[in-house]
Structure formats: C-alpha cells, structure tokens
Amino acid sequence: MARNIINRITINDKILNGKPSIKGKRVAVQTILEFLSAGESEKEILKQYPSLEKEDITACLKFASKLMDRNYTFKYVS
C-alpha cells in the first residue's frame, strides 16, 4: 500500500523496504538527509541524482521536520 506524504514523498512497502522515498524515484529520504548532513549542497546532490528536482530535496527536509514535530516516549526494556 502506498501513501503520499507532503506531495513528493511516498511510503510503499514494495519500494525500498517501505522506507520513505521520493515519489517516482528509488531514492530514500534518508539518503538525501545524509548527504545534506555531510555538508553536500543541493547543487551537488542534484548533480549526483539528475532525475531529482530542488523541490524533492525541500520535501525531504519538510518530511524530517514533520517527524520531529511529534512527541516520543522511550521505554527501557530489561
């Protein structure tokens, strides 16, 4: 089952093992976020992934921001 999130992000259990990915591409949101956190520029990422658009990178950041807008509780299991 596929779900569209933030227009350009999709989650489909048959694509990339259900990891959030850029719609219509086999590029995980995590991959783009890792490039950005390593200091890569949007321009460098777009050069490495020519099928992507600037808006795809923006959507990845927006998706990550939405995830962080939740409350999480961690329980220790012994």
C-alpha atoms as a PDB file:
ATOM      1  CA  MET A   1       0.000   0.000   0.000  1.00  0.00           C
ATOM      2  CA  ALA A   2       1.412   3.368  -0.990  1.00  0.00           C
ATOM      3  CA  ARG A   3       0.811   6.596   0.873  1.00  0.00           C
ATOM      4  CA  ASN A   4       1.751  10.044  -0.400  1.00  0.00           C
ATOM      5  CA  ILE A   5       3.165  12.398   2.160  1.00  0.00           C
ATOM      6  CA  ILE A   6       3.969  16.040   1.520  1.00  0.00           C
ATOM      7  CA  ASN A   7       3.185  15.632  -2.187  1.00  0.00           C
ATOM      8  CA  ARG A   8       6.634  14.347  -3.239  1.00  0.00           C
ATOM      9  CA  ILE A   9       7.308  11.753  -0.546  1.00  0.00           C
ATOM     10  CA  THR A  10       5.768   8.298  -0.590  1.00  0.00           C
ATOM     11  CA  ILE A  11       5.878   5.226   1.610  1.00  0.00           C
ATOM     12  CA  ASN A  12       5.305   1.952  -0.167  1.00  0.00           C
ATOM     13  CA  ASP A  13       6.182  -1.385   1.426  1.00  0.00           C
ATOM     14  CA  LYS A  14       7.171  -2.695  -2.027  1.00  0.00           C
ATOM     15  CA  ILE A  15       9.723   0.057  -2.684  1.00  0.00           C
ATOM     16  CA  LEU A  16      12.941   0.342  -0.665  1.00  0.00           C
ATOM     17  CA  ASN A  17      11.504  -1.971   2.005  1.00  0.00           C
ATOM     18  CA  GLY A  18       8.918   0.643   2.978  1.00  0.00           C
ATOM     19  CA  LYS A  19      11.369   3.461   3.648  1.00  0.00           C
ATOM     20  CA  PRO A  20      10.066   6.930   2.814  1.00  0.00           C
ATOM     21  CA  SER A  21      11.244   7.776  -0.689  1.00  0.00           C
ATOM     22  CA  ILE A  22      10.893  10.444  -3.321  1.00  0.00           C
ATOM     23  CA  LYS A  23       7.783   9.767  -5.370  1.00  0.00           C
ATOM     24  CA  GLY A  24       8.539   8.027  -8.664  1.00  0.00           C
ATOM     25  CA  LYS A  25      12.214   7.565  -7.788  1.00  0.00           C
ATOM     26  CA  ARG A  26      14.098   4.870  -5.920  1.00  0.00           C
ATOM     27  CA  VAL A  27      15.830   7.422  -3.714  1.00  0.00           C
ATOM     28  CA  ALA A  28      15.242   7.261   0.028  1.00  0.00           C
ATOM     29  CA  VAL A  29      14.571  10.405   2.030  1.00  0.00           C
ATOM     30  CA  GLN A  30      17.260   9.149   4.413  1.00  0.00           C
ATOM     31  CA  THR A  31      19.836   9.199   1.599  1.00  0.00           C
ATOM     32  CA  ILE A  32      19.158  12.851   0.814  1.00  0.00           C
ATOM     33  CA  LEU A  33      19.206  13.805   4.504  1.00  0.00           C
ATOM     34  CA  GLU A  34      22.528  12.002   4.966  1.00  0.00           C
ATOM     35  CA  PHE A  35      24.054  13.896   2.041  1.00  0.00           C
ATOM     36  CA  LEU A  36      22.830  17.196   3.478  1.00  0.00           C
ATOM     37  CA  SER A  37      24.103  16.370   6.975  1.00  0.00           C
ATOM     38  CA  ALA A  38      27.505  15.521   5.479  1.00  0.00           C
ATOM     39  CA  GLY A  39      27.688  19.042   4.077  1.00  0.00           C
ATOM     40  CA  GLU A  40      26.704  18.344   0.472  1.00  0.00           C
ATOM     41  CA  SER A  41      24.947  21.239  -1.243  1.00  0.00           C
ATOM     42  CA  GLU A  42      21.658  20.941  -3.104  1.00  0.00           C
ATOM     43  CA  LYS A  43      23.584  21.583  -6.296  1.00  0.00           C
ATOM     44  CA  GLU A  44      25.954  18.665  -5.600  1.00  0.00           C
ATOM     45  CA  ILE A  45      23.062  16.323  -4.792  1.00  0.00           C
ATOM     46  CA  LEU A  46      21.207  17.291  -7.963  1.00  0.00           C
ATOM     47  CA  LYS A  47      24.377  16.618  -9.950  1.00  0.00           C
ATOM     48  CA  GLN A  48      24.633  13.114  -8.433  1.00  0.00           C
ATOM     49  CA  TYR A  49      20.904  12.458  -8.917  1.00  0.00           C
ATOM     50  CA  PRO A  50      19.956  14.295 -12.144  1.00  0.00           C
ATOM     51  CA  SER A  51      16.379  12.953 -12.067  1.00  0.00           C
ATOM     52  CA  LEU A  52      15.693  14.881  -8.846  1.00  0.00           C
ATOM     53  CA  GLU A  53      14.451  18.437  -8.596  1.00  0.00           C
ATOM     54  CA  LYS A  54      15.227  21.062  -5.971  1.00  0.00           C
ATOM     55  CA  GLU A  55      11.669  20.635  -4.653  1.00  0.00           C
ATOM     56  CA  ASP A  56      12.405  16.953  -3.912  1.00  0.00           C
ATOM     57  CA  ILE A  57      15.199  17.964  -1.544  1.00  0.00           C
ATOM     58  CA  THR A  58      12.963  20.550   0.099  1.00  0.00           C
ATOM     59  CA  ALA A  59      10.272  17.878   0.542  1.00  0.00           C
ATOM     60  CA  CYS A  60      12.799  15.599   2.296  1.00  0.00           C
ATOM     61  CA  LEU A  61      13.614  18.358   4.771  1.00  0.00           C
ATOM     62  CA  LYS A  62       9.944  19.109   5.311  1.00  0.00           C
ATOM     63  CA  PHE A  63       9.246  15.407   5.891  1.00  0.00           C
ATOM     64  CA  ALA A  64      12.014  15.193   8.511  1.00  0.00           C
ATOM     65  CA  SER A  65      10.700  18.324  10.182  1.00  0.00           C
ATOM     66  CA  LYS A  66       7.194  16.838  10.363  1.00  0.00           C
ATOM     67  CA  LEU A  67       8.605  13.699  12.017  1.00  0.00           C
ATOM     68  CA  MET A  68      10.305  15.817  14.668  1.00  0.00           C
ATOM     69  CA  ASP A  69       7.017  17.611  15.369  1.00  0.00           C
ATOM     70  CA  ARG A  70       5.798  14.572  17.314  1.00  0.00           C
ATOM     71  CA  ASN A  71       6.163  13.589  20.947  1.00  0.00           C
ATOM     72  CA  TYR A  72       8.092  10.411  21.580  1.00  0.00           C
ATOM     73  CA  THR A  73       8.389   8.349  24.751  1.00  0.00           C
ATOM     74  CA  PHE A  74      11.214   5.867  25.154  1.00  0.00           C
ATOM     75  CA  LYS A  75      10.747   2.934  27.460  1.00  0.00           C
ATOM     76  CA  TYR A  76      13.655   0.886  28.676  1.00  0.00           C
ATOM     77  CA  VAL A  77      13.270  -2.843  28.381  1.00  0.00           C
ATOM     78  CA  SER A  78      15.418  -5.038  30.562  1.00  0.00           C
END
